[in-house]
C-alpha atoms as a PDB file:
ATOM      1  CA  UNK A   1     -75.910  57.948-130.667  1.00  0.00           C
ATOM      2  CA  UNK A   2     -73.100  56.476-128.978  1.00  0.00           C
ATOM      3  CA  UNK A   3     -71.087  58.780-125.818  1.00  0.00           C
ATOM      4  CA  UNK A   4     -68.866  60.652-126.955  1.00  0.00           C
ATOM      5  CA  UNK A   5     -65.215  59.927-124.974  1.00  0.00           C
ATOM      6  CA  UNK A   6     -64.927  63.600-124.292  1.00  0.00           C
ATOM      7  CA  UNK A   7     -67.661  64.135-122.532  1.00  0.00           C
ATOM      8  CA  UNK A   8     -67.992  60.329-120.344  1.00  0.00           C
ATOM      9  CA  UNK A   9     -64.378  61.498-119.170  1.00  0.00           C
ATOM     10  CA  UNK A  10     -65.357  64.360-118.112  1.00  0.00           C
ATOM     11  CA  UNK A  11     -68.210  63.386-116.717  1.00  0.00           C
ATOM     12  CA  UNK A  12     -65.858  61.201-114.606  1.00  0.00           C
ATOM     13  CA  UNK A  13     -63.871  63.769-112.984  1.00  0.00           C
ATOM     14  CA  UNK A  14     -66.753  65.551-111.994  1.00  0.00           C
ATOM     15  CA  UNK A  15     -68.511  63.002-110.363  1.00  0.00           C
ATOM     16  CA  UNK A  16     -64.675  61.567-108.196  1.00  0.00           C
ATOM     17  CA  UNK A  17     -66.556  60.455-104.698  1.00  0.00           C
ATOM     18  CA  UNK A  18     -65.556  62.807-102.083  1.00  0.00           C
ATOM     19  CA  UNK A  19     -62.444  61.689 -99.507  1.00  0.00           C
ATOM     20  CA  UNK A  20     -61.293  62.916 -96.063  1.00  0.00           C
ATOM     21  CA  UNK A  21     -58.338  63.507 -95.691  1.00  0.00           C
ATOM     22  CA  UNK A  22     -56.247  63.560 -92.521  1.00  0.00           C
ATOM     23  CA  UNK A  23     -52.612  64.690 -92.191  1.00  0.00           C
ATOM     24  CA  UNK A  24     -51.152  64.139 -89.702  1.00  0.00           C
ATOM     25  CA  UNK A  25     -48.258  65.821 -88.216  1.00  0.00           C
ATOM     26  CA  UNK A  26     -45.365  65.572 -87.683  1.00  0.00           C
ATOM     27  CA  UNK A  27     -44.934  63.280 -89.779  1.00  0.00           C
ATOM     28  CA  UNK A  28     -42.081  61.987 -92.405  1.00  0.00           C
ATOM     29  CA  UNK A  29     -37.828  63.163 -91.234  1.00  0.00           C
ATOM     30  CA  UNK A  30     -36.554  63.686 -88.195  1.00  0.00           C
ATOM     31  CA  UNK A  31     -33.368  65.479 -87.252  1.00  0.00           C
ATOM     32  CA  UNK A  32     -31.186  62.213 -86.682  1.00  0.00           C
ATOM     33  CA  UNK A  33     -32.593  61.208 -91.116  1.00  0.00           C
ATOM     34  CA  UNK A  34     -31.905  65.032 -92.303  1.00  0.00           C
ATOM     35  CA  UNK A  35     -28.324  64.976 -90.762  1.00  0.00           C
ATOM     36  CA  UNK A  36     -27.360  61.614 -92.010  1.00  0.00           C
ATOM     37  CA  UNK A  37     -29.049  62.465 -95.280  1.00  0.00           C
ATOM     38  CA  UNK A  38     -26.869  66.047 -95.264  1.00  0.00           C
ATOM     39  CA  UNK A  39     -23.613  63.570 -94.334  1.00  0.00           C
ATOM     40  CA  UNK A  40     -23.589  61.807 -97.335  1.00  0.00           C
ATOM     41  CA  UNK A  41     -23.706  64.949 -99.419  1.00  0.00           C
ATOM     42  CA  UNK A  42     -21.441  66.988 -97.941  1.00  0.00           C
ATOM     43  CA  UNK A  43     -18.684  64.196 -98.433  1.00  0.00           C
ATOM     44  CA  UNK A  44     -19.542  63.931-101.545  1.00  0.00           C
ATOM     45  CA  UNK A  45     -19.134  68.047-102.870  1.00  0.00           C
ATOM     46  CA  UNK A  46     -16.128  67.396-100.536  1.00  0.00           C
ATOM     47  CA  UNK A  47     -14.630  64.714-101.858  1.00  0.00           C
ATOM     48  CA  UNK A  48     -16.079  63.363-104.971  1.00  0.00           C
ATOM     49  CA  UNK A  49     -17.965  59.959-106.204  1.00  0.00           C
ATOM     50  CA  UNK A  50     -17.451  57.467-104.261  1.00  0.00           C
ATOM     51  CA  UNK A  51     -18.652  57.998-101.615  1.00  0.00           C
ATOM     52  CA  UNK A  52     -19.000  54.540 -98.927  1.00  0.00           C
ATOM     53  CA  UNK A  53     -21.696  53.802 -96.657  1.00  0.00           C
ATOM     54  CA  UNK A  54     -21.453  51.255 -94.508  1.00  0.00           C
ATOM     55  CA  UNK A  55     -25.402  50.346 -94.593  1.00  0.00           C
ATOM     56  CA  UNK A  56     -28.488  51.786 -96.031  1.00  0.00           C
ATOM     57  CA  UNK A  57     -27.743  55.576 -94.502  1.00  0.00           C
ATOM     58  CA  UNK A  58     -32.296  55.977 -93.275  1.00  0.00           C
ATOM     59  CA  UNK A  59     -34.144  52.997 -93.937  1.00  0.00           C
ATOM     60  CA  UNK A  60     -35.852  54.708 -97.000  1.00  0.00           C
ATOM     61  CA  UNK A  61     -34.944  52.804-100.621  1.00  0.00           C
ATOM     62  CA  UNK A  62     -36.172  56.114-102.908  1.00  0.00           C
ATOM     63  CA  UNK A  63     -33.931  58.121-100.684  1.00  0.00           C
ATOM     64  CA  UNK A  64     -30.814  55.477-100.980  1.00  0.00           C
ATOM     65  CA  UNK A  65     -31.295  55.564-104.481  1.00  0.00           C
ATOM     66  CA  UNK A  66     -30.788  59.075-104.538  1.00  0.00           C
ATOM     67  CA  UNK A  67     -27.934  59.356-102.926  1.00  0.00           C
ATOM     68  CA  UNK A  68     -26.619  55.931-105.039  1.00  0.00           C
ATOM     69  CA  UNK A  69     -27.557  58.407-108.368  1.00  0.00           C
ATOM     70  CA  UNK A  70     -24.898  61.137-107.505  1.00  0.00           C
ATOM     71  CA  UNK A  71     -22.587  58.499-106.134  1.00  0.00           C
ATOM     72  CA  UNK A  72     -22.885  56.720-102.974  1.00  0.00           C
ATOM     73  CA  UNK A  73     -21.762  53.527-102.131  1.00  0.00           C
ATOM     74  CA  UNK A  74     -23.289  51.564-100.076  1.00  0.00           C
ATOM     75  CA  UNK A  75     -21.969  48.583 -99.027  1.00  0.00           C
ATOM     76  CA  UNK A  76     -22.939  46.192 -95.775  1.00  0.00           C
ATOM     77  CA  UNK A  77     -19.459  45.233 -94.434  1.00  0.00           C
ATOM     78  CA  UNK A  78     -16.355  46.893 -94.531  1.00  0.00           C
ATOM     79  CA  UNK A  79     -14.611  43.701 -96.480  1.00  0.00           C
ATOM     80  CA  UNK A  80     -16.124  45.351 -99.442  1.00  0.00           C
ATOM     81  CA  UNK A  81     -14.355  48.362 -99.634  1.00  0.00           C
ATOM     82  CA  UNK A  82     -11.552  48.460-101.895  1.00  0.00           C
ATOM     83  CA  UNK A  83      -7.842  50.124-100.769  1.00  0.00           C
ATOM     84  CA  UNK A  84      -9.448  53.638-100.756  1.00  0.00           C
ATOM     85  CA  UNK A  85      -8.630  57.553 -99.846  1.00  0.00           C
ATOM     86  CA  UNK A  86     -12.338  58.209-100.254  1.00  0.00           C
ATOM     87  CA  UNK A  87     -14.736  58.123 -96.452  1.00  0.00           C
ATOM     88  CA  UNK A  88     -16.863  55.785 -95.038  1.00  0.00           C
ATOM     89  CA  UNK A  89     -19.897  56.565 -93.957  1.00  0.00           C
ATOM     90  CA  UNK A  90     -21.578  54.237 -90.981  1.00  0.00           C
ATOM     91  CA  UNK A  91     -25.480  54.849 -90.932  1.00  0.00           C
ATOM     92  CA  UNK A  92     -27.582  56.979 -88.814  1.00  0.00           C
ATOM     93  CA  UNK A  93     -28.588  53.269 -87.069  1.00  0.00           C
ATOM     94  CA  UNK A  94     -25.433  53.455 -85.520  1.00  0.00           C
ATOM     95  CA  UNK A  95     -22.340  51.031 -85.179  1.00  0.00           C
ATOM     96  CA  UNK A  96     -21.211  48.697 -82.882  1.00  0.00           C
ATOM     97  CA  UNK A  97     -17.257  49.688 -82.015  1.00  0.00           C
ATOM     98  CA  UNK A  98     -15.343  46.432 -84.037  1.00  0.00           C
ATOM     99  CA  UNK A  99     -16.645  48.810 -86.324  1.00  0.00           C
ATOM    100  CA  UNK A 100     -15.022  52.328 -86.094  1.00  0.00           C
ATOM    101  CA  UNK A 101     -12.004  50.106 -84.758  1.00  0.00           C
ATOM    102  CA  UNK A 102     -11.896  47.528 -88.220  1.00  0.00           C
ATOM    103  CA  UNK A 103     -11.911  50.955 -89.985  1.00  0.00           C
ATOM    104  CA  UNK A 104      -9.047  52.308 -88.218  1.00  0.00           C
ATOM    105  CA  UNK A 105      -6.965  49.138 -88.814  1.00  0.00           C
ATOM    106  CA  UNK A 106      -7.367  49.823 -92.605  1.00  0.00           C
ATOM    107  CA  UNK A 107      -6.523  53.214 -92.714  1.00  0.00           C
ATOM    108  CA  UNK A 108      -9.852  53.900 -93.876  1.00  0.00           C
ATOM    109  CA  UNK A 109     -11.086  57.787 -93.643  1.00  0.00           C
ATOM    110  CA  UNK A 110     -14.676  57.029 -91.703  1.00  0.00           C
ATOM    111  CA  UNK A 111     -16.866  59.647 -90.872  1.00  0.00           C
ATOM    112  CA  UNK A 112     -19.828  59.064 -88.255  1.00  0.00           C
ATOM    113  CA  UNK A 113     -22.794  59.759 -88.678  1.00  0.00           C
ATOM    114  CA  UNK A 114     -25.040  58.384 -85.678  1.00  0.00           C
ATOM    115  CA  UNK A 115     -28.281  59.896 -84.271  1.00  0.00           C
ATOM    116  CA  UNK A 116     -27.033  62.175 -81.704  1.00  0.00           C
ATOM    117  CA  UNK A 117     -29.833  60.380 -79.426  1.00  0.00           C
ATOM    118  CA  UNK A 118     -28.394  56.573 -80.638  1.00  0.00           C
ATOM    119  CA  UNK A 119     -24.802  58.150 -79.789  1.00  0.00           C
ATOM    120  CA  UNK A 120     -26.793  59.202 -75.691  1.00  0.00           C
ATOM    121  CA  UNK A 121     -28.529  55.396 -75.764  1.00  0.00           C
ATOM    122  CA  UNK A 122     -24.476  54.382 -76.387  1.00  0.00           C
ATOM    123  CA  UNK A 123     -22.504  56.072 -73.986  1.00  0.00           C
ATOM    124  CA  UNK A 124     -25.548  55.471 -71.657  1.00  0.00           C
ATOM    125  CA  UNK A 125     -24.685  51.501 -71.355  1.00  0.00           C
ATOM    126  CA  UNK A 126     -21.190  52.257 -71.391  1.00  0.00           C
ATOM    127  CA  UNK A 127     -21.867  54.446 -67.721  1.00  0.00           C
ATOM    128  CA  UNK A 128     -23.883  51.552 -66.583  1.00  0.00           C
ATOM    129  CA  UNK A 129     -21.814  48.748 -67.622  1.00  0.00           C
ATOM    130  CA  UNK A 130     -18.576  51.310 -65.651  1.00  0.00           C
ATOM    131  CA  UNK A 131     -20.626  51.065 -62.963  1.00  0.00           C
ATOM    132  CA  UNK A 132     -20.591  47.340 -62.848  1.00  0.00           C
ATOM    133  CA  UNK A 133     -24.608  47.229 -63.684  1.00  0.00           C
ATOM    134  CA  UNK A 134     -25.750  44.441 -66.390  1.00  0.00           C
ATOM    135  CA  UNK A 135     -27.675  46.282 -69.036  1.00  0.00           C
ATOM    136  CA  UNK A 136     -31.376  45.254 -70.337  1.00  0.00           C
ATOM    137  CA  UNK A 137     -31.564  46.089 -73.974  1.00  0.00           C
ATOM    138  CA  UNK A 138     -35.430  46.857 -74.501  1.00  0.00           C
ATOM    139  CA  UNK A 139     -35.579  46.705 -78.253  1.00  0.00           C
ATOM    140  CA  UNK A 140     -36.128  44.111 -81.550  1.00  0.00           C
ATOM    141  CA  UNK A 141     -33.145  41.329 -82.203  1.00  0.00           C
ATOM    142  CA  UNK A 142     -31.209  41.780 -85.229  1.00  0.00           C
ATOM    143  CA  UNK A 143     -31.903  45.785 -85.685  1.00  0.00           C
ATOM    144  CA  UNK A 144     -29.188  47.404 -87.048  1.00  0.00           C
ATOM    145  CA  UNK A 145     -29.581  49.791 -84.440  1.00  0.00           C
ATOM    146  CA  UNK A 146     -29.067  47.030 -81.892  1.00  0.00           C
ATOM    147  CA  UNK A 147     -26.579  45.392 -83.011  1.00  0.00           C
ATOM    148  CA  UNK A 148     -24.597  49.165 -82.634  1.00  0.00           C
ATOM    149  CA  UNK A 149     -26.023  49.261 -78.647  1.00  0.00           C
ATOM    150  CA  UNK A 150     -25.183  45.979 -77.721  1.00  0.00           C
ATOM    151  CA  UNK A 151     -22.139  46.102 -79.585  1.00  0.00           C
ATOM    152  CA  UNK A 152     -20.713  48.819 -77.456  1.00  0.00           C
ATOM    153  CA  UNK A 153     -20.048  46.522 -74.478  1.00  0.00           C
ATOM    154  CA  UNK A 154     -18.239  43.123 -74.278  1.00  0.00           C
ATOM    155  CA  UNK A 155     -20.096  39.866 -75.247  1.00  0.00           C
ATOM    156  CA  UNK A 156     -22.399  39.306 -72.192  1.00  0.00           C
ATOM    157  CA  UNK A 157     -22.756  42.607 -70.561  1.00  0.00           C
ATOM    158  CA  UNK A 158     -25.637  43.387 -72.243  1.00  0.00           C
ATOM    159  CA  UNK A 159     -29.558  40.935 -72.629  1.00  0.00           C
ATOM    160  CA  UNK A 160     -32.078  42.326 -75.178  1.00  0.00           C
ATOM    161  CA  UNK A 161     -35.289  42.233 -73.484  1.00  0.00           C
ATOM    162  CA  UNK A 162     -38.560  41.961 -76.477  1.00  0.00           C
ATOM    163  CA  UNK A 163     -41.498  41.271 -74.733  1.00  0.00           C
ATOM    164  CA  UNK A 164     -42.911  41.294 -70.872  1.00  0.00           C
ATOM    165  CA  UNK A 165     -42.963  37.416 -71.169  1.00  0.00           C
ATOM    166  CA  UNK A 166     -39.092  38.025 -72.044  1.00  0.00           C
ATOM    167  CA  UNK A 167     -38.992  40.044 -68.077  1.00  0.00           C
ATOM    168  CA  UNK A 168     -40.057  37.202 -66.536  1.00  0.00           C
ATOM    169  CA  UNK A 169     -37.492  35.012 -68.001  1.00  0.00           C
ATOM    170  CA  UNK A 170     -33.930  36.942 -67.041  1.00  0.00           C
ATOM    171  CA  UNK A 171     -31.923  35.332 -64.976  1.00  0.00           C
ATOM    172  CA  UNK A 172     -28.913  38.577 -64.527  1.00  0.00           C
ATOM    173  CA  UNK A 173     -25.797  37.735 -62.834  1.00  0.00           C
ATOM    174  CA  UNK A 174     -26.930  40.349 -59.686  1.00  0.00           C
ATOM    175  CA  UNK A 175     -30.939  41.223 -59.432  1.00  0.00           C
ATOM    176  CA  UNK A 176     -29.320  44.642 -57.624  1.00  0.00           C
ATOM    177  CA  UNK A 177     -27.360  45.596 -60.010  1.00  0.00           C
ATOM    178  CA  UNK A 178     -29.580  45.845 -63.041  1.00  0.00           C
ATOM    179  CA  UNK A 179     -29.709  48.968 -65.671  1.00  0.00           C
ATOM    180  CA  UNK A 180     -31.526  48.922 -68.345  1.00  0.00           C
ATOM    181  CA  UNK A 181     -31.760  51.095 -71.546  1.00  0.00           C
ATOM    182  CA  UNK A 182     -34.034  50.965 -75.506  1.00  0.00           C
ATOM    183  CA  UNK A 183     -34.293  51.623 -78.466  1.00  0.00           C
ATOM    184  CA  UNK A 184     -35.264  54.369 -79.838  1.00  0.00           C
ATOM    185  CA  UNK A 185     -37.732  53.575 -82.238  1.00  0.00           C
ATOM    186  CA  UNK A 186     -40.208  51.253 -80.098  1.00  0.00           C
ATOM    187  CA  UNK A 187     -44.154  51.346 -79.570  1.00  0.00           C
ATOM    188  CA  UNK A 188     -43.769  53.907 -76.677  1.00  0.00           C
ATOM    189  CA  UNK A 189     -46.945  51.984 -74.587  1.00  0.00           C
ATOM    190  CA  UNK A 190     -45.489  48.938 -75.586  1.00  0.00           C
ATOM    191  CA  UNK A 191     -41.662  50.420 -74.013  1.00  0.00           C
ATOM    192  CA  UNK A 192     -43.096  51.069 -70.894  1.00  0.00           C
ATOM    193  CA  UNK A 193     -45.244  47.847 -70.294  1.00  0.00           C
ATOM    194  CA  UNK A 194     -41.627  46.343 -70.562  1.00  0.00           C
ATOM    195  CA  UNK A 195     -40.279  49.052 -67.727  1.00  0.00           C
ATOM    196  CA  UNK A 196     -43.174  48.309 -65.669  1.00  0.00           C
ATOM    197  CA  UNK A 197     -42.547  44.930 -65.678  1.00  0.00           C
ATOM    198  CA  UNK A 198     -38.609  45.629 -64.858  1.00  0.00           C
ATOM    199  CA  UNK A 199     -39.470  47.868 -62.489  1.00  0.00           C
ATOM    200  CA  UNK A 200     -41.526  45.385 -61.162  1.00  0.00           C
ATOM    201  CA  UNK A 201     -39.581  42.788 -61.100  1.00  0.00           C
ATOM    202  CA  UNK A 202     -36.252  44.371 -60.220  1.00  0.00           C
ATOM    203  CA  UNK A 203     -37.153  47.309 -57.818  1.00  0.00           C
ATOM    204  CA  UNK A 204     -33.673  48.803 -57.606  1.00  0.00           C
ATOM    205  CA  UNK A 205     -33.053  48.522 -61.687  1.00  0.00           C
ATOM    206  CA  UNK A 206     -31.814  52.464 -62.150  1.00  0.00           C
ATOM    207  CA  UNK A 207     -33.141  53.834 -65.909  1.00  0.00           C
ATOM    208  CA  UNK A 208     -32.102  56.736 -67.486  1.00  0.00           C
ATOM    209  CA  UNK A 209     -32.671  60.358 -66.462  1.00  0.00           C
ATOM    210  CA  UNK A 210     -34.699  61.148 -70.128  1.00  0.00           C
ATOM    211  CA  UNK A 211     -36.584  57.815 -71.804  1.00  0.00           C
ATOM    212  CA  UNK A 212     -34.278  56.445 -74.877  1.00  0.00           C
ATOM    213  CA  UNK A 213     -37.391  56.652 -76.870  1.00  0.00           C
ATOM    214  CA  UNK A 214     -36.822  59.991 -79.443  1.00  0.00           C
ATOM    215  CA  UNK A 215     -38.968  63.365 -79.850  1.00  0.00           C
ATOM    216  CA  UNK A 216     -39.725  62.032 -82.945  1.00  0.00           C
ATOM    217  CA  UNK A 217     -41.043  58.589 -82.368  1.00  0.00           C
ATOM    218  CA  UNK A 218     -43.020  59.664 -79.134  1.00  0.00           C
ATOM    219  CA  UNK A 219     -44.234  62.347 -82.139  1.00  0.00           C
ATOM    220  CA  UNK A 220     -45.113  60.676 -84.344  1.00  0.00           C
ATOM    221  CA  UNK A 221     -46.787  58.159 -83.165  1.00  0.00           C
ATOM    222  CA  UNK A 222     -48.938  60.867 -80.772  1.00  0.00           C
ATOM    223  CA  UNK A 223     -49.838  61.913 -83.979  1.00  0.00           C
ATOM    224  CA  UNK A 224     -51.286  58.975 -85.217  1.00  0.00           C
ATOM    225  CA  UNK A 225     -53.501  58.078 -81.833  1.00  0.00           C
ATOM    226  CA  UNK A 226     -54.671  61.649 -82.340  1.00  0.00           C
ATOM    227  CA  UNK A 227     -56.646  60.483 -85.969  1.00  0.00           C
ATOM    228  CA  UNK A 228     -56.586  56.673 -85.387  1.00  0.00           C
ATOM    229  CA  UNK A 229     -60.373  56.278 -83.882  1.00  0.00           C
ATOM    230  CA  UNK A 230     -61.338  58.893 -87.154  1.00  0.00           C
ATOM    231  CA  UNK A 231     -60.141  57.022 -89.528  1.00  0.00           C
ATOM    232  CA  UNK A 232     -61.584  54.386 -92.000  1.00  0.00           C
ATOM    233  CA  UNK A 233     -57.900  53.802 -92.679  1.00  0.00           C
ATOM    234  CA  UNK A 234     -55.092  54.695 -92.692  1.00  0.00           C
ATOM    235  CA  UNK A 235     -51.588  55.390 -94.514  1.00  0.00           C
ATOM    236  CA  UNK A 236     -48.111  55.215 -93.578  1.00  0.00           C
ATOM    237  CA  UNK A 237     -45.557  56.166 -95.659  1.00  0.00           C
ATOM    238  CA  UNK A 238     -42.500  53.960 -95.138  1.00  0.00           C
ATOM    239  CA  UNK A 239     -40.341  51.757 -95.659  1.00  0.00           C
ATOM    240  CA  UNK A 240     -40.874  47.201 -94.212  1.00  0.00           C
ATOM    241  CA  UNK A 241     -37.682  47.417 -92.413  1.00  0.00           C
ATOM    242  CA  UNK A 242     -37.650  51.080 -90.473  1.00  0.00           C
ATOM    243  CA  UNK A 243     -38.679  50.377 -87.348  1.00  0.00           C
ATOM    244  CA  UNK A 244     -40.366  53.933 -86.407  1.00  0.00           C
ATOM    245  CA  UNK A 245     -42.024  53.324 -89.920  1.00  0.00           C
ATOM    246  CA  UNK A 246     -44.093  50.163 -88.462  1.00  0.00           C
ATOM    247  CA  UNK A 247     -44.550  50.941 -84.755  1.00  0.00           C
ATOM    248  CA  UNK A 248     -47.362  53.803 -86.441  1.00  0.00           C
ATOM    249  CA  UNK A 249     -49.073  51.315 -88.159  1.00  0.00           C
ATOM    250  CA  UNK A 250     -49.420  49.426 -84.727  1.00  0.00           C
ATOM    251  CA  UNK A 251     -50.245  52.287 -82.917  1.00  0.00           C
ATOM    252  CA  UNK A 252     -53.148  53.260 -85.230  1.00  0.00           C
ATOM    253  CA  UNK A 253     -54.513  49.399 -84.879  1.00  0.00           C
ATOM    254  CA  UNK A 254     -54.434  49.565 -81.362  1.00  0.00           C
ATOM    255  CA  UNK A 255     -55.943  52.887 -81.560  1.00  0.00           C
ATOM    256  CA  UNK A 256     -59.113  51.368 -83.803  1.00  0.00           C
ATOM    257  CA  UNK A 257     -57.727  52.038 -87.031  1.00  0.00           C
ATOM    258  CA  UNK A 258     -57.688  48.115 -87.742  1.00  0.00           C
ATOM    259  CA  UNK A 259     -57.083  48.667 -91.158  1.00  0.00           C
ATOM    260  CA  UNK A 260     -53.778  50.538 -91.333  1.00  0.00           C
ATOM    261  CA  UNK A 261     -50.709  49.613 -94.041  1.00  0.00           C
ATOM    262  CA  UNK A 262     -47.430  50.522 -95.022  1.00  0.00           C
ATOM    263  CA  UNK A 263     -46.154  52.257 -98.723  1.00  0.00           C
ATOM    264  CA  UNK A 264     -43.414  52.796 -99.882  1.00  0.00           C
ATOM    265  CA  UNK A 265     -44.270  54.844-102.995  1.00  0.00           C
ATOM    266  CA  UNK A 266     -47.478  55.620-104.640  1.00  0.00           C
ATOM    267  CA  UNK A 267     -47.349  52.548-107.410  1.00  0.00           C
ATOM    268  CA  UNK A 268     -47.891  49.918-104.601  1.00  0.00           C
ATOM    269  CA  UNK A 269     -51.643  51.930-103.543  1.00  0.00           C
ATOM    270  CA  UNK A 270     -54.265  51.053-106.032  1.00  0.00           C
ATOM    271  CA  UNK A 271     -57.184  53.818-105.221  1.00  0.00           C
ATOM    272  CA  UNK A 272     -59.637  51.887-106.339  1.00  0.00           C
ATOM    273  CA  UNK A 273     -59.275  49.896-102.843  1.00  0.00           C
ATOM    274  CA  UNK A 274     -60.634  52.451-100.668  1.00  0.00           C
ATOM    275  CA  UNK A 275     -63.276  53.138-102.939  1.00  0.00           C
ATOM    276  CA  UNK A 276     -66.291  53.232 -99.450  1.00  0.00           C
ATOM    277  CA  UNK A 277     -64.054  54.965 -97.487  1.00  0.00           C
ATOM    278  CA  UNK A 278     -65.480  58.289 -95.841  1.00  0.00           C
ATOM    279  CA  UNK A 279     -61.771  59.052 -94.891  1.00  0.00           C
ATOM    280  CA  UNK A 280     -58.478  57.756 -94.880  1.00  0.00           C
ATOM    281  CA  UNK A 281     -55.466  58.886 -92.555  1.00  0.00           C
ATOM    282  CA  UNK A 282     -51.887  59.310 -94.086  1.00  0.00           C
ATOM    283  CA  UNK A 283     -48.149  59.856 -91.833  1.00  0.00           C
ATOM    284  CA  UNK A 284     -44.505  58.791 -92.938  1.00  0.00           C
ATOM    285  CA  UNK A 285     -42.007  57.168 -90.762  1.00  0.00           C
ATOM    286  CA  UNK A 286     -38.894  59.191 -89.185  1.00  0.00           C
ATOM    287  CA  UNK A 287     -37.318  58.288 -92.754  1.00  0.00           C
ATOM    288  CA  UNK A 288     -39.756  58.854 -94.901  1.00  0.00           C
ATOM    289  CA  UNK A 289     -39.831  62.370 -97.315  1.00  0.00           C
ATOM    290  CA  UNK A 290     -42.583  64.490 -97.694  1.00  0.00           C
ATOM    291  CA  UNK A 291     -42.464  63.740-101.571  1.00  0.00           C
ATOM    292  CA  UNK A 292     -43.119  60.675-100.960  1.00  0.00           C
ATOM    293  CA  UNK A 293     -46.568  61.549 -99.111  1.00  0.00           C
ATOM    294  CA  UNK A 294     -47.198  64.117-101.532  1.00  0.00           C
ATOM    295  CA  UNK A 295     -46.885  61.565-104.490  1.00  0.00           C
ATOM    296  CA  UNK A 296     -49.346  58.922-102.609  1.00  0.00           C
ATOM    297  CA  UNK A 297     -51.889  61.701-102.985  1.00  0.00           C
ATOM    298  CA  UNK A 298     -52.022  62.545-106.498  1.00  0.00           C
ATOM    299  CA  UNK A 299     -52.879  59.151-106.414  1.00  0.00           C
ATOM    300  CA  UNK A 300     -55.195  58.837-104.247  1.00  0.00           C
ATOM    301  CA  UNK A 301     -56.380  62.859-106.346  1.00  0.00           C
ATOM    302  CA  UNK A 302     -56.969  60.969-109.740  1.00  0.00           C
ATOM    303  CA  UNK A 303     -60.252  58.960-108.381  1.00  0.00           C
ATOM    304  CA  UNK A 304     -61.609  60.668-105.361  1.00  0.00           C
ATOM    305  CA  UNK A 305     -62.107  64.865-104.762  1.00  0.00           C
ATOM    306  CA  UNK A 306     -59.657  65.542-101.986  1.00  0.00           C
ATOM    307  CA  UNK A 307     -61.049  67.289 -98.861  1.00  0.00           C
ATOM    308  CA  UNK A 308     -57.679  67.367 -96.956  1.00  0.00           C
ATOM    309  CA  UNK A 309     -57.793  67.996 -92.826  1.00  0.00           C
ATOM    310  CA  UNK A 310     -53.788  69.137 -91.320  1.00  0.00           C
ATOM    311  CA  UNK A 311     -54.012  67.713 -87.764  1.00  0.00           C
ATOM    312  CA  UNK A 312     -50.856  68.898 -86.027  1.00  0.00           C
ATOM    313  CA  UNK A 313     -50.130  68.262 -82.222  1.00  0.00           C
ATOM    314  CA  UNK A 314     -46.941  69.171 -82.366  1.00  0.00           C
ATOM    315  CA  UNK A 315     -44.150  71.166 -84.023  1.00  0.00           C
ATOM    316  CA  UNK A 316     -40.536  70.301 -84.249  1.00  0.00           C
ATOM    317  CA  UNK A 317     -37.462  72.360 -84.260  1.00  0.00           C
ATOM    318  CA  UNK A 318     -34.292  70.300 -83.459  1.00  0.00           C
ATOM    319  CA  UNK A 319     -32.155  70.574 -85.583  1.00  0.00           C
ATOM    320  CA  UNK A 320     -28.082  68.959 -84.956  1.00  0.00           C
ATOM    321  CA  UNK A 321     -24.782  69.646 -86.543  1.00  0.00           C
ATOM    322  CA  UNK A 322     -22.936  68.040 -88.611  1.00  0.00           C
ATOM    323  CA  UNK A 323     -19.142  66.620 -88.258  1.00  0.00           C
ATOM    324  CA  UNK A 324     -16.741  69.189 -87.582  1.00  0.00           C
ATOM    325  CA  UNK A 325     -14.885  67.503 -90.944  1.00  0.00           C
ATOM    326  CA  UNK A 326     -18.016  68.654 -93.369  1.00  0.00           C
ATOM    327  CA  UNK A 327     -19.176  71.507 -91.901  1.00  0.00           C
ATOM    328  CA  UNK A 328     -16.420  74.044 -94.293  1.00  0.00           C
ATOM    329  CA  UNK A 329     -18.225  72.400 -96.951  1.00  0.00           C
ATOM    330  CA  UNK A 330     -21.981  72.966 -95.436  1.00  0.00           C
ATOM    331  CA  UNK A 331     -20.807  76.585 -95.184  1.00  0.00           C
ATOM    332  CA  UNK A 332     -19.815  76.526 -98.786  1.00  0.00           C
END
């Protein structure tokens, strides 16, 4: 007699293989990302649609698509914005000084959603330049945060340093008058190596009183370090253009979990590819919402019996205020 399909299905469900899940914390949204998203939402509530946003407000397609559905219009250049009284918002990554100036010349109403920790790096670079020092910026060429930071100073006042090898090739105007700053979303360990090389070659170089890599980047990397050696594979939820998410993949691999990979949405992951794995880790970059972590775990749970363990290495309670012009909307 043929098997009852209902019984077969039931049998399969009952005999799902067990999979240990180590869920790293902290993970996901940081205070700067939460603030930037809130700024767009409050601007829409106060001014109505459309609200223009220069560049992705944060590097996450899911977040951007949600805001687009509410009336946000994302552009890469101010020239794409028509003559309007509606506001334009600058993304969490920050912009060069020329951007708000161009907006002012067009009489555009601008709202700055730059993360305060990025703004701190901008002011630091300006301070060092004013003190007569050439600024060495540790970061990734072409990243929007790096473009914004370099754009705080006159052309030629900042030199980008991406690797330890770049340090050997530097020919600064005055080796005795140097300062360094860093992109906020770098690998903590890789950046430490570059800073050590700079200090060895240029003993008089001046650095920030407190490191530029933000608390969220540091905490998420530390959380991954705490679980990577226990994992057969590790999922980082985030976007390919998210620097902090990519660094989490790098950290996992450097800590011994060589099967670490980036996933944007659950649909990208084939649960069958995890067959034979005993333990998997999961985290999320600072611009990835928690619902995407839950979505991916739900997809995996369709094939495996999950035993989820939360591994908490820090507790974050930081929040940043929204710009003054939106605080009445926030209160409402």
